Structures are given as structure tokens and as C-alpha cells.
């Protein structure tokens, strides 16, 4: 889920949205992980974010995670708003759904440094700054390894 946020914050390109580049994810911790059988989970993360700019609302947040061209699953994050000019901790809820033929055990095997090189993510989110117009942002084939490095 943090990859979704990193992509939206770090890789934005629209004129009004360039201000998002100054947002920093300070820390991330897993508060709760509730498996849903062998094919999904509900996640609760605590994410500390420094937002020196304006208030930003995010909705319709979704990411497809791929490894070597194979879709592993989808992460959907509940809508949330980053307050402007603050450093605050946000409780984010998300649903992880694994693709057909992928189970939690297979996913666990893929989470090491070597396999991260072959992982990408396609991200989309609706972003609204202050009370401005909502814009849909989409990023395809983003390297997971680079997104993780951007959050550090």
C-alpha cells in the first residue's frame, strides 16, 4: 500500500500537482493484518507524512502488482485526506486481493531483494488539492524497488 502512496507523491507530473514532490513519508508501521482466506487480507497501516503544502484528498486508490509480467494481485486503499502544512500520522485501511493462481505462500517467497528487481506496479488514484478539480493520476510499470527507495 505504501507503494501506492509513494507513486502518487513522488512521481506526479501535472503542473498543480508538482507541489506533491515535497511530501515525505516519514514512517510506516503495520498496525493490523487480517487474512481473508488464502487469497486476500485487510491491512491497517500507520503512516506518518510530512505535507508542507496544501490539503490533498485521495480517492479511488488502486494498484496492480506484477512480477516478471505476471499480475500478483491488487491493493485498494480507502479514501483519505492529508492535512496541509502538517506532519501527521494517518491510519490507512486497504484490501489486498491476490490474483487467480496466486496464494499468500507464493507471495511470501517473492518478497526478497532479488525478486524486487522484477516487480512493478500500476497505480491509479483520484487526487484533489484543496477544493480544486479532481484529477485521475495513472502510472504504469513503476519499479517497486525504486518506489521503496523513494520512501526511505
Protein backbone atom coordinates (compact mmCIF):
# COMPACT_ATOMS: atom_id res chain seq x y z
CA UNK A 1 0.00 0.00 0.00
CA UNK A 2 2.80 2.40 0.75
CA UNK A 3 3.96 1.85 -2.81
CA UNK A 4 0.69 3.32 -4.00
CA UNK A 5 1.23 6.42 -1.89
CA UNK A 6 4.86 6.74 -2.90
CA UNK A 7 3.94 6.59 -6.56
CA UNK A 8 1.31 9.29 -6.20
CA UNK A 9 3.53 11.56 -4.09
CA UNK A 10 6.91 11.08 -5.72
CA UNK A 11 6.15 10.60 -9.41
CA UNK A 12 3.50 13.26 -10.04
CA UNK A 13 3.84 15.32 -13.20
CA UNK A 14 0.85 17.71 -13.50
CA UNK A 15 1.56 21.43 -13.04
CA UNK A 16 -0.56 21.92 -9.89
CA UNK A 17 0.46 18.57 -8.55
CA UNK A 18 4.23 19.15 -8.75
CA UNK A 19 3.99 20.50 -5.21
CA UNK A 20 3.37 16.93 -4.10
CA UNK A 21 7.05 16.19 -4.63
CA UNK A 22 7.81 17.90 -1.32
CA UNK A 23 5.68 15.44 0.63
CA UNK A 24 7.71 12.95 2.61
CA UNK A 25 6.65 9.66 4.12
CA UNK A 26 8.46 9.72 7.46
CA UNK A 27 7.50 6.30 8.80
CA UNK A 28 5.25 3.32 8.12
CA UNK A 29 4.11 0.63 10.52
CA UNK A 30 1.71 -2.25 10.16
CA UNK A 31 -0.97 -1.89 12.81
CA UNK A 32 -3.16 -4.80 11.77
CA UNK A 33 -3.13 -7.64 9.24
CA UNK A 34 -6.29 -9.73 8.93
CA UNK A 35 -6.08 -12.58 6.41
CA UNK A 36 -9.13 -13.35 4.30
CA UNK A 37 -8.57 -16.98 3.47
CA UNK A 38 -5.52 -17.72 1.31
CA UNK A 39 -6.26 -15.07 -1.32
CA UNK A 40 -6.53 -11.77 0.46
CA UNK A 41 -6.11 -9.63 3.53
CA UNK A 42 -7.26 -6.44 5.16
CA UNK A 43 -4.40 -4.17 6.20
CA UNK A 44 -4.22 -1.23 8.56
CA UNK A 45 -1.11 0.91 8.31
CA UNK A 46 0.01 3.88 10.35
CA UNK A 47 1.77 6.27 8.01
CA UNK A 48 3.48 9.44 9.20
CA UNK A 49 3.50 12.04 6.43
CA UNK A 50 5.11 15.48 6.29
CA UNK A 51 2.98 17.61 3.97
CA UNK A 52 4.42 21.14 3.74
CA UNK A 53 1.88 22.11 1.07
CA UNK A 54 -1.88 22.31 0.72
CA UNK A 55 -4.53 19.81 1.80
CA UNK A 56 -4.72 16.83 -0.55
CA UNK A 57 -7.59 14.36 -0.85
CA UNK A 58 -7.01 10.96 -2.42
CA UNK A 59 -9.70 8.51 -3.51
CA UNK A 60 -10.19 5.58 -5.89
CA UNK A 61 -6.66 4.48 -4.96
CA UNK A 62 -5.69 1.19 -6.57
CA UNK A 63 -2.54 -0.65 -7.58
CA UNK A 64 -1.87 -3.84 -9.52
CA UNK A 65 1.37 -5.54 -8.51
CA UNK A 66 3.26 -7.60 -11.11
CA UNK A 67 6.31 -9.86 -11.05
CA UNK A 68 8.00 -10.70 -14.35
CA UNK A 69 4.84 -9.74 -16.23
CA UNK A 70 2.51 -11.86 -14.05
CA UNK A 71 -0.16 -9.99 -12.07
CA UNK A 72 0.14 -10.99 -8.41
CA UNK A 73 -2.78 -9.01 -7.07
CA UNK A 74 -4.43 -5.70 -6.38
CA UNK A 75 -4.33 -3.31 -3.44
CA UNK A 76 -7.24 -0.90 -2.93
CA UNK A 77 -6.81 1.86 -0.34
CA UNK A 78 -9.73 3.62 1.35
CA UNK A 79 -10.01 7.37 0.60
CA UNK A 80 -8.15 9.75 2.92
CA UNK A 81 -7.11 13.39 3.19
CA UNK A 82 -3.65 14.72 4.02
CA UNK A 83 -3.96 17.91 6.02
CA UNK A 84 -1.91 20.81 4.69
CA UNK A 85 1.19 22.25 6.28
CA UNK A 86 1.46 19.50 8.89
CA UNK A 87 3.30 16.37 9.85
CA UNK A 88 0.70 13.88 10.96
CA UNK A 89 0.09 10.15 11.31
CA UNK A 90 -2.71 8.64 9.23
CA UNK A 91 -4.44 5.31 9.76
CA UNK A 92 -4.93 3.82 6.29
CA UNK A 93 -7.16 0.85 5.54
CA UNK A 94 -6.58 -1.31 2.49
CA UNK A 95 -7.75 -4.52 0.89
CA UNK A 96 -5.25 -6.89 -0.68
CA UNK A 97 -6.70 -9.30 -3.24
CA UNK A 98 -4.42 -11.87 -4.82
CA UNK A 99 -4.81 -12.80 -8.48
CA UNK A 100 -6.12 -16.17 -9.60
CA UNK A 101 -3.44 -18.82 -9.08
CA UNK A 102 -1.50 -16.76 -6.52
CA UNK A 103 -1.60 -17.55 -2.81
CA UNK A 104 -0.10 -15.95 0.28
CA UNK A 105 2.72 -18.50 0.41
CA UNK A 106 3.81 -17.77 -3.18
CA UNK A 107 3.71 -14.05 -2.47
CA UNK A 108 5.88 -14.50 0.62
CA UNK A 109 8.55 -16.27 -1.44
CA UNK A 110 8.73 -13.30 -3.81
CA UNK A 111 9.44 -10.71 -1.16
CA UNK A 112 13.21 -10.66 -1.14
CA UNK A 113 15.73 -8.20 -2.57
CA UNK A 114 16.45 -10.22 -5.73
CA UNK A 115 12.83 -10.57 -6.81
CA UNK A 116 12.05 -6.90 -6.12
CA UNK A 117 14.10 -6.09 -9.23
CA UNK A 118 11.44 -7.80 -11.36
CA UNK A 119 8.41 -6.33 -9.58
CA UNK A 120 6.40 -3.43 -10.96
CA UNK A 121 3.20 -1.69 -10.00
CA UNK A 122 0.45 0.05 -12.00
CA UNK A 123 -1.11 2.77 -9.83
CA UNK A 124 -4.17 4.97 -10.23
CA UNK A 125 -5.70 7.50 -7.85
CA UNK A 126 -8.01 10.46 -7.93
CA UNK A 127 -6.19 13.46 -6.41
CA UNK A 128 -7.71 16.75 -5.33
CA UNK A 129 -5.69 19.67 -3.97
CA UNK A 130 -7.64 21.93 -1.62
CA UNK A 131 -11.03 22.45 -3.27
CA UNK A 132 -9.69 22.24 -6.79
CA UNK A 133 -10.60 19.92 -9.59
CA UNK A 134 -10.12 16.18 -9.02
CA UNK A 135 -7.55 14.65 -11.38
CA UNK A 136 -7.03 10.99 -12.06
CA UNK A 137 -3.37 10.07 -11.99
CA UNK A 138 -2.14 6.84 -13.53
CA UNK A 139 1.35 5.38 -13.55
CA UNK A 140 2.25 2.09 -15.24
CA UNK A 141 5.17 -0.29 -14.83
CA UNK A 142 6.73 1.56 -11.90
CA UNK A 143 9.67 -0.40 -10.46
CA UNK A 144 8.80 -1.44 -6.90
CA UNK A 145 12.44 -1.27 -5.83
CA UNK A 146 12.70 2.43 -6.81
CA UNK A 147 9.45 3.27 -5.01
CA UNK A 148 10.71 1.63 -1.83
CA UNK A 149 13.96 3.60 -2.09
CA UNK A 150 11.95 6.84 -2.55
CA UNK A 151 10.11 6.24 0.73
CA UNK A 152 13.31 5.66 2.74
